[in-house]
């Protein structure tokens, strides 16, 4: 484990990857003066660093030499809700779903752009700084007043069904985070609906028609193909 920044006031990022080339790339990409960077080369070192460093965010590769990254996520989630962004060459949908279901907040397939990585990091850090969701969520022309259960799109109040509202509320309270199909189905409809993704697709479609200006090109509720949905907050 190493640290290339000494300012303890900076957000602490723990990079978990055993590839020297990726470590160098991330050091260069994150050398912006915004972060305190720490590194671990395997799963056991990552678990130890998560306790010792108390990072504000973890960038995690799944293909570690001593244990699978999904197991690292599960162990960290036993005691911490630190944001975890997976960086992996594994692009199969089931790999993404396993990581997100285990508790990862986001997933970027290698290779990825520096600008996108920094944007995902900023979103994750903003979310982690919020102890509770803001009473009123705003993203461009969408406004969701949680205490009053009131939704405005382009200044006009939107009438949602109870299920549509609960679905939007779930996305709002996890804004910026990818939620898998199974996570959403379990939260909104219960375990009995875990194998009925069409129920979710229909309600997402209905919700988009009510809040999106162009439902065929959604700006707020984004699809993560084969994985789930994410409410975009950096418009």
C-alpha atoms as a PDB file:
ATOM      1  CA  UNK A   1       0.000   0.000   0.000  1.00  0.00           C
ATOM      2  CA  UNK A   2       1.346   3.417  -0.893  1.00  0.00           C
ATOM      3  CA  UNK A   3       0.268   7.021  -0.636  1.00  0.00           C
ATOM      4  CA  UNK A   4       1.371   9.797  -2.947  1.00  0.00           C
ATOM      5  CA  UNK A   5      -0.434  12.644  -1.179  1.00  0.00           C
ATOM      6  CA  UNK A   6       0.058  13.852   2.359  1.00  0.00           C
ATOM      7  CA  UNK A   7      -2.818  16.361   2.716  1.00  0.00           C
ATOM      8  CA  UNK A   8      -5.237  14.591   5.032  1.00  0.00           C
ATOM      9  CA  UNK A   9      -8.004  17.059   4.168  1.00  0.00           C
ATOM     10  CA  UNK A  10      -8.260  15.679   0.637  1.00  0.00           C
ATOM     11  CA  UNK A  11     -10.741  12.911  -0.215  1.00  0.00           C
ATOM     12  CA  UNK A  12      -8.944   9.567   0.189  1.00  0.00           C
ATOM     13  CA  UNK A  13      -9.078   7.201  -2.779  1.00  0.00           C
ATOM     14  CA  UNK A  14      -8.002   3.577  -2.389  1.00  0.00           C
ATOM     15  CA  UNK A  15      -6.966   1.971  -5.691  1.00  0.00           C
ATOM     16  CA  UNK A  16      -7.036  -1.842  -5.609  1.00  0.00           C
ATOM     17  CA  UNK A  17      -5.305  -3.327  -8.661  1.00  0.00           C
ATOM     18  CA  UNK A  18      -2.329  -5.659  -9.130  1.00  0.00           C
ATOM     19  CA  UNK A  19      -1.378  -4.436 -12.623  1.00  0.00           C
ATOM     20  CA  UNK A  20       1.561  -2.030 -12.494  1.00  0.00           C
ATOM     21  CA  UNK A  21       0.508  -0.348 -15.755  1.00  0.00           C
ATOM     22  CA  UNK A  22      -2.990   0.371 -14.387  1.00  0.00           C
ATOM     23  CA  UNK A  23      -1.548   1.652 -11.112  1.00  0.00           C
ATOM     24  CA  UNK A  24       0.647   4.091 -13.044  1.00  0.00           C
ATOM     25  CA  UNK A  25      -2.249   5.157 -15.267  1.00  0.00           C
ATOM     26  CA  UNK A  26      -4.501   5.847 -12.299  1.00  0.00           C
ATOM     27  CA  UNK A  27      -1.749   7.687 -10.432  1.00  0.00           C
ATOM     28  CA  UNK A  28      -1.362   9.979 -13.442  1.00  0.00           C
ATOM     29  CA  UNK A  29      -5.121  10.351 -13.984  1.00  0.00           C
ATOM     30  CA  UNK A  30      -5.816  11.157 -10.348  1.00  0.00           C
ATOM     31  CA  UNK A  31      -2.811  13.417  -9.820  1.00  0.00           C
ATOM     32  CA  UNK A  32      -5.013  16.524  -9.980  1.00  0.00           C
ATOM     33  CA  UNK A  33      -4.366  17.849  -6.490  1.00  0.00           C
ATOM     34  CA  UNK A  34      -7.946  16.913  -5.520  1.00  0.00           C
ATOM     35  CA  UNK A  35      -7.296  13.546  -3.906  1.00  0.00           C
ATOM     36  CA  UNK A  36      -5.109  11.629  -1.461  1.00  0.00           C
ATOM     37  CA  UNK A  37      -4.219   8.427  -3.297  1.00  0.00           C
ATOM     38  CA  UNK A  38      -3.577   5.043  -1.634  1.00  0.00           C
ATOM     39  CA  UNK A  39      -2.935   1.692  -3.291  1.00  0.00           C
ATOM     40  CA  UNK A  40      -3.339  -2.005  -2.557  1.00  0.00           C
ATOM     41  CA  UNK A  41      -2.282  -4.854  -4.833  1.00  0.00           C
ATOM     42  CA  UNK A  42      -4.546  -7.684  -3.643  1.00  0.00           C
ATOM     43  CA  UNK A  43      -7.765  -8.391  -1.806  1.00  0.00           C
ATOM     44  CA  UNK A  44      -6.302  -8.950   1.660  1.00  0.00           C
ATOM     45  CA  UNK A  45      -4.283  -5.731   1.419  1.00  0.00           C
ATOM     46  CA  UNK A  46      -7.428  -3.931   0.267  1.00  0.00           C
ATOM     47  CA  UNK A  47      -9.421  -5.128   3.283  1.00  0.00           C
ATOM     48  CA  UNK A  48      -6.640  -4.039   5.616  1.00  0.00           C
ATOM     49  CA  UNK A  49      -6.338  -0.653   3.896  1.00  0.00           C
ATOM     50  CA  UNK A  50     -10.091  -0.104   4.034  1.00  0.00           C
ATOM     51  CA  UNK A  51      -9.792  -0.279   7.840  1.00  0.00           C
ATOM     52  CA  UNK A  52      -6.495   1.599   8.224  1.00  0.00           C
ATOM     53  CA  UNK A  53      -7.013   4.339   5.627  1.00  0.00           C
ATOM     54  CA  UNK A  54     -10.810   4.740   5.887  1.00  0.00           C
ATOM     55  CA  UNK A  55     -11.003   5.811   2.237  1.00  0.00           C
ATOM     56  CA  UNK A  56     -13.745   8.060   0.924  1.00  0.00           C
ATOM     57  CA  UNK A  57     -13.953   5.966  -2.233  1.00  0.00           C
ATOM     58  CA  UNK A  58     -12.527   2.659  -3.492  1.00  0.00           C
ATOM     59  CA  UNK A  59     -11.573   1.893  -7.107  1.00  0.00           C
ATOM     60  CA  UNK A  60     -11.533  -1.899  -7.335  1.00  0.00           C
ATOM     61  CA  UNK A  61     -10.392  -4.382  -9.958  1.00  0.00           C
ATOM     62  CA  UNK A  62     -12.235  -7.711  -9.858  1.00  0.00           C
ATOM     63  CA  UNK A  63      -9.341  -9.889 -11.054  1.00  0.00           C
ATOM     64  CA  UNK A  64      -7.133  -9.868  -7.974  1.00  0.00           C
ATOM     65  CA  UNK A  65      -4.432 -12.516  -7.386  1.00  0.00           C
ATOM     66  CA  UNK A  66      -5.674 -13.769  -3.995  1.00  0.00           C
ATOM     67  CA  UNK A  67      -9.469 -13.406  -4.065  1.00  0.00           C
ATOM     68  CA  UNK A  68     -12.243 -12.310  -6.369  1.00  0.00           C
ATOM     69  CA  UNK A  69     -13.132  -8.633  -6.210  1.00  0.00           C
ATOM     70  CA  UNK A  70     -16.789  -9.478  -5.588  1.00  0.00           C
ATOM     71  CA  UNK A  71     -15.767 -11.155  -2.334  1.00  0.00           C
ATOM     72  CA  UNK A  72     -13.818  -8.017  -1.376  1.00  0.00           C
ATOM     73  CA  UNK A  73     -16.988  -5.974  -1.949  1.00  0.00           C
ATOM     74  CA  UNK A  74     -19.070  -8.344   0.192  1.00  0.00           C
ATOM     75  CA  UNK A  75     -16.591  -8.215   3.087  1.00  0.00           C
ATOM     76  CA  UNK A  76     -16.363  -4.420   3.019  1.00  0.00           C
ATOM     77  CA  UNK A  77     -20.153  -4.119   2.896  1.00  0.00           C
ATOM     78  CA  UNK A  78     -20.369  -6.071   6.157  1.00  0.00           C
ATOM     79  CA  UNK A  79     -19.241  -2.933   7.990  1.00  0.00           C
ATOM     80  CA  UNK A  80     -18.880   0.011   5.580  1.00  0.00           C
ATOM     81  CA  UNK A  81     -20.926   1.888   2.972  1.00  0.00           C
ATOM     82  CA  UNK A  82     -17.881   3.545   1.371  1.00  0.00           C
ATOM     83  CA  UNK A  83     -18.553   4.105  -2.364  1.00  0.00           C
ATOM     84  CA  UNK A  84     -16.976   1.371  -4.494  1.00  0.00           C
ATOM     85  CA  UNK A  85     -16.398   1.809  -8.223  1.00  0.00           C
ATOM     86  CA  UNK A  86     -15.392  -1.364 -10.043  1.00  0.00           C
ATOM     87  CA  UNK A  87     -12.788  -0.993 -12.804  1.00  0.00           C
ATOM     88  CA  UNK A  88     -12.560  -4.264 -14.690  1.00  0.00           C
ATOM     89  CA  UNK A  89     -11.852  -5.885 -18.048  1.00  0.00           C
ATOM     90  CA  UNK A  90     -14.839  -8.145 -17.389  1.00  0.00           C
ATOM     91  CA  UNK A  91     -17.606  -6.789 -19.611  1.00  0.00           C
ATOM     92  CA  UNK A  92     -20.164  -9.576 -19.302  1.00  0.00           C
ATOM     93  CA  UNK A  93     -23.488  -8.456 -17.916  1.00  0.00           C
ATOM     94  CA  UNK A  94     -23.543 -11.134 -15.235  1.00  0.00           C
ATOM     95  CA  UNK A  95     -20.163  -9.954 -13.900  1.00  0.00           C
ATOM     96  CA  UNK A  96     -21.495  -6.411 -13.618  1.00  0.00           C
ATOM     97  CA  UNK A  97     -24.697  -7.600 -11.953  1.00  0.00           C
ATOM     98  CA  UNK A  98     -22.791  -9.739  -9.423  1.00  0.00           C
ATOM     99  CA  UNK A  99     -20.553  -6.822  -8.457  1.00  0.00           C
ATOM    100  CA  UNK A 100     -23.429  -4.357  -8.168  1.00  0.00           C
ATOM    101  CA  UNK A 101     -25.640  -6.806  -6.285  1.00  0.00           C
ATOM    102  CA  UNK A 102     -22.756  -7.423  -3.877  1.00  0.00           C
ATOM    103  CA  UNK A 103     -22.738  -3.714  -3.072  1.00  0.00           C
ATOM    104  CA  UNK A 104     -20.638  -1.878  -5.675  1.00  0.00           C
ATOM    105  CA  UNK A 105     -21.915   1.592  -6.524  1.00  0.00           C
ATOM    106  CA  UNK A 106     -20.718   1.798 -10.113  1.00  0.00           C
ATOM    107  CA  UNK A 107     -18.904  -0.205 -12.798  1.00  0.00           C
ATOM    108  CA  UNK A 108     -16.494   0.954 -15.496  1.00  0.00           C
ATOM    109  CA  UNK A 109     -15.147  -1.482 -18.069  1.00  0.00           C
ATOM    110  CA  UNK A 110     -11.493  -1.170 -19.057  1.00  0.00           C
ATOM    111  CA  UNK A 111     -10.339   0.686 -21.058  1.00  0.00           C
ATOM    112  CA  UNK A 112     -12.098   3.849 -19.915  1.00  0.00           C
ATOM    113  CA  UNK A 113     -11.543   7.569 -20.353  1.00  0.00           C
ATOM    114  CA  UNK A 114     -10.028   9.742 -17.633  1.00  0.00           C
ATOM    115  CA  UNK A 115     -12.829  12.311 -17.920  1.00  0.00           C
ATOM    116  CA  UNK A 116     -15.503   9.655 -17.369  1.00  0.00           C
ATOM    117  CA  UNK A 117     -13.628   8.171 -14.417  1.00  0.00           C
ATOM    118  CA  UNK A 118     -13.263  11.576 -12.739  1.00  0.00           C
ATOM    119  CA  UNK A 119     -16.956  12.312 -13.345  1.00  0.00           C
ATOM    120  CA  UNK A 120     -17.981   8.997 -11.743  1.00  0.00           C
ATOM    121  CA  UNK A 121     -15.680   9.689  -8.785  1.00  0.00           C
ATOM    122  CA  UNK A 122     -17.186  13.150  -8.236  1.00  0.00           C
ATOM    123  CA  UNK A 123     -20.716  11.737  -8.346  1.00  0.00           C
ATOM    124  CA  UNK A 124     -19.834   9.003  -5.848  1.00  0.00           C
ATOM    125  CA  UNK A 125     -18.180  11.500  -3.504  1.00  0.00           C
ATOM    126  CA  UNK A 126     -21.190  13.832  -3.654  1.00  0.00           C
ATOM    127  CA  UNK A 127     -23.469  10.938  -2.746  1.00  0.00           C
ATOM    128  CA  UNK A 128     -21.275   9.842   0.151  1.00  0.00           C
ATOM    129  CA  UNK A 129     -21.269  13.343   1.640  1.00  0.00           C
ATOM    130  CA  UNK A 130     -25.049  13.278   1.915  1.00  0.00           C
ATOM    131  CA  UNK A 131     -26.035  11.680   5.215  1.00  0.00           C
ATOM    132  CA  UNK A 132     -29.622  11.527   3.955  1.00  0.00           C
ATOM    133  CA  UNK A 133     -31.255  12.389   0.638  1.00  0.00           C
ATOM    134  CA  UNK A 134     -32.030  16.053   0.146  1.00  0.00           C
ATOM    135  CA  UNK A 135     -35.692  16.818   0.953  1.00  0.00           C
ATOM    136  CA  UNK A 136     -36.056  18.270  -2.537  1.00  0.00           C
ATOM    137  CA  UNK A 137     -34.131  16.654  -5.367  1.00  0.00           C
ATOM    138  CA  UNK A 138     -33.433  18.787  -8.440  1.00  0.00           C
ATOM    139  CA  UNK A 139     -31.774  17.866 -11.717  1.00  0.00           C
ATOM    140  CA  UNK A 140     -32.222  20.423 -14.469  1.00  0.00           C
ATOM    141  CA  UNK A 141     -36.005  20.546 -15.130  1.00  0.00           C
ATOM    142  CA  UNK A 142     -36.910  17.654 -12.818  1.00  0.00           C
ATOM    143  CA  UNK A 143     -37.872  18.344  -9.199  1.00  0.00           C
ATOM    144  CA  UNK A 144     -38.906  15.719  -6.654  1.00  0.00           C
ATOM    145  CA  UNK A 145     -40.163  16.986  -3.290  1.00  0.00           C
ATOM    146  CA  UNK A 146     -39.848  13.890  -1.093  1.00  0.00           C
ATOM    147  CA  UNK A 147     -41.659  15.169   2.039  1.00  0.00           C
ATOM    148  CA  UNK A 148     -44.637  16.374  -0.022  1.00  0.00           C
ATOM    149  CA  UNK A 149     -44.512  13.490  -2.534  1.00  0.00           C
ATOM    150  CA  UNK A 150     -44.649  16.101  -5.310  1.00  0.00           C
ATOM    151  CA  UNK A 151     -42.990  15.771  -8.712  1.00  0.00           C
ATOM    152  CA  UNK A 152     -42.478  18.598 -11.212  1.00  0.00           C
ATOM    153  CA  UNK A 153     -41.186  18.175 -14.766  1.00  0.00           C
ATOM    154  CA  UNK A 154     -40.477  21.359 -16.740  1.00  0.00           C
ATOM    155  CA  UNK A 155     -42.438  23.331 -14.158  1.00  0.00           C
ATOM    156  CA  UNK A 156     -45.585  21.212 -14.431  1.00  0.00           C
ATOM    157  CA  UNK A 157     -46.762  18.893 -11.645  1.00  0.00           C
ATOM    158  CA  UNK A 158     -46.729  15.237 -12.681  1.00  0.00           C
ATOM    159  CA  UNK A 159     -49.308  12.741 -11.465  1.00  0.00           C
ATOM    160  CA  UNK A 160     -47.706   9.401 -10.681  1.00  0.00           C
ATOM    161  CA  UNK A 161     -49.228   6.146  -9.508  1.00  0.00           C
ATOM    162  CA  UNK A 162     -48.092   4.986  -6.046  1.00  0.00           C
ATOM    163  CA  UNK A 163     -45.790   2.402  -7.632  1.00  0.00           C
ATOM    164  CA  UNK A 164     -44.317   4.911 -10.087  1.00  0.00           C
ATOM    165  CA  UNK A 165     -43.645   7.321  -7.239  1.00  0.00           C
ATOM    166  CA  UNK A 166     -41.944   4.656  -5.097  1.00  0.00           C
ATOM    167  CA  UNK A 167     -39.806   3.689  -8.090  1.00  0.00           C
ATOM    168  CA  UNK A 168     -38.777   7.306  -8.670  1.00  0.00           C
ATOM    169  CA  UNK A 169     -38.162   7.817  -4.935  1.00  0.00           C
ATOM    170  CA  UNK A 170     -35.847   4.789  -4.893  1.00  0.00           C
ATOM    171  CA  UNK A 171     -33.881   6.165  -7.853  1.00  0.00           C
ATOM    172  CA  UNK A 172     -33.713   9.610  -6.232  1.00  0.00           C
ATOM    173  CA  UNK A 173     -32.414   8.286  -2.913  1.00  0.00           C
ATOM    174  CA  UNK A 174     -29.674   6.456  -4.851  1.00  0.00           C
ATOM    175  CA  UNK A 175     -29.135   9.162  -7.476  1.00  0.00           C
ATOM    176  CA  UNK A 176     -25.999   8.602  -9.515  1.00  0.00           C
ATOM    177  CA  UNK A 177     -25.754   4.955  -8.455  1.00  0.00           C
ATOM    178  CA  UNK A 178     -26.490   1.988 -10.707  1.00  0.00           C
ATOM    179  CA  UNK A 179     -29.330  -0.107  -9.306  1.00  0.00           C
ATOM    180  CA  UNK A 180     -29.665  -3.614 -10.731  1.00  0.00           C
ATOM    181  CA  UNK A 181     -32.966  -5.047 -11.894  1.00  0.00           C
ATOM    182  CA  UNK A 182     -33.044  -7.455  -8.958  1.00  0.00           C
ATOM    183  CA  UNK A 183     -32.307  -4.700  -6.419  1.00  0.00           C
ATOM    184  CA  UNK A 184     -35.181  -2.575  -7.706  1.00  0.00           C
ATOM    185  CA  UNK A 185     -37.634  -5.464  -8.024  1.00  0.00           C
ATOM    186  CA  UNK A 186     -36.878  -6.612  -4.483  1.00  0.00           C
ATOM    187  CA  UNK A 187     -37.260  -3.120  -3.015  1.00  0.00           C
ATOM    188  CA  UNK A 188     -40.444  -2.130  -4.844  1.00  0.00           C
ATOM    189  CA  UNK A 189     -42.331  -5.372  -5.470  1.00  0.00           C
ATOM    190  CA  UNK A 190     -40.742  -7.904  -3.154  1.00  0.00           C
ATOM    191  CA  UNK A 191     -38.903 -11.196  -3.562  1.00  0.00           C
ATOM    192  CA  UNK A 192     -41.832 -12.822  -5.404  1.00  0.00           C
ATOM    193  CA  UNK A 193     -41.201 -10.521  -8.387  1.00  0.00           C
ATOM    194  CA  UNK A 194     -37.428 -11.056  -8.634  1.00  0.00           C
ATOM    195  CA  UNK A 195     -37.817 -13.078 -11.852  1.00  0.00           C
ATOM    196  CA  UNK A 196     -40.319 -10.726 -13.509  1.00  0.00           C
ATOM    197  CA  UNK A 197     -38.215  -7.930 -15.072  1.00  0.00           C
ATOM    198  CA  UNK A 198     -41.030  -7.030 -17.484  1.00  0.00           C
ATOM    199  CA  UNK A 199     -42.906  -5.477 -14.538  1.00  0.00           C
ATOM    200  CA  UNK A 200     -39.984  -3.117 -13.999  1.00  0.00           C
ATOM    201  CA  UNK A 201     -39.592  -2.326 -17.710  1.00  0.00           C
ATOM    202  CA  UNK A 202     -43.258  -1.355 -18.014  1.00  0.00           C
ATOM    203  CA  UNK A 203     -43.121   0.955 -15.002  1.00  0.00           C
ATOM    204  CA  UNK A 204     -39.851   2.556 -16.112  1.00  0.00           C
ATOM    205  CA  UNK A 205     -41.410   3.199 -19.526  1.00  0.00           C
ATOM    206  CA  UNK A 206     -44.498   4.763 -17.931  1.00  0.00           C
ATOM    207  CA  UNK A 207     -42.354   6.893 -15.638  1.00  0.00           C
ATOM    208  CA  UNK A 208     -40.206   8.119 -18.519  1.00  0.00           C
ATOM    209  CA  UNK A 209     -43.290   9.129 -20.499  1.00  0.00           C
ATOM    210  CA  UNK A 210     -44.331  11.307 -17.571  1.00  0.00           C
ATOM    211  CA  UNK A 211     -41.040  13.007 -16.650  1.00  0.00           C
ATOM    212  CA  UNK A 212     -38.872  12.892 -19.772  1.00  0.00           C
ATOM    213  CA  UNK A 213     -39.275  15.426 -22.563  1.00  0.00           C
ATOM    214  CA  UNK A 214     -38.340  12.702 -25.071  1.00  0.00           C
ATOM    215  CA  UNK A 215     -38.893   9.233 -23.531  1.00  0.00           C
ATOM    216  CA  UNK A 216     -37.013   7.594 -26.417  1.00  0.00           C
ATOM    217  CA  UNK A 217     -33.904   9.603 -25.475  1.00  0.00           C
ATOM    218  CA  UNK A 218     -34.114   9.809 -21.670  1.00  0.00           C
ATOM    219  CA  UNK A 219     -32.030  12.412 -19.839  1.00  0.00           C
ATOM    220  CA  UNK A 220     -32.832  11.409 -16.264  1.00  0.00           C
ATOM    221  CA  UNK A 221     -33.472   7.667 -16.007  1.00  0.00           C
ATOM    222  CA  UNK A 222     -30.612   5.991 -17.857  1.00  0.00           C
ATOM    223  CA  UNK A 223     -30.495   2.326 -18.823  1.00  0.00           C
ATOM    224  CA  UNK A 224     -27.419   0.291 -17.972  1.00  0.00           C
ATOM    225  CA  UNK A 225     -27.908  -2.439 -20.615  1.00  0.00           C
ATOM    226  CA  UNK A 226     -28.509  -5.847 -19.132  1.00  0.00           C
ATOM    227  CA  UNK A 227     -27.824  -4.533 -15.632  1.00  0.00           C
ATOM    228  CA  UNK A 228     -30.345  -1.967 -14.412  1.00  0.00           C
ATOM    229  CA  UNK A 229     -30.973   1.768 -14.213  1.00  0.00           C
ATOM    230  CA  UNK A 230     -29.315   4.934 -12.926  1.00  0.00           C
ATOM    231  CA  UNK A 231     -30.788   8.349 -12.196  1.00  0.00           C
ATOM    232  CA  UNK A 232     -28.425  10.865 -13.775  1.00  0.00           C
ATOM    233  CA  UNK A 233     -27.565  13.835 -11.609  1.00  0.00           C
ATOM    234  CA  UNK A 234     -24.662  15.472 -13.475  1.00  0.00           C
ATOM    235  CA  UNK A 235     -26.723  17.061 -16.257  1.00  0.00           C
END
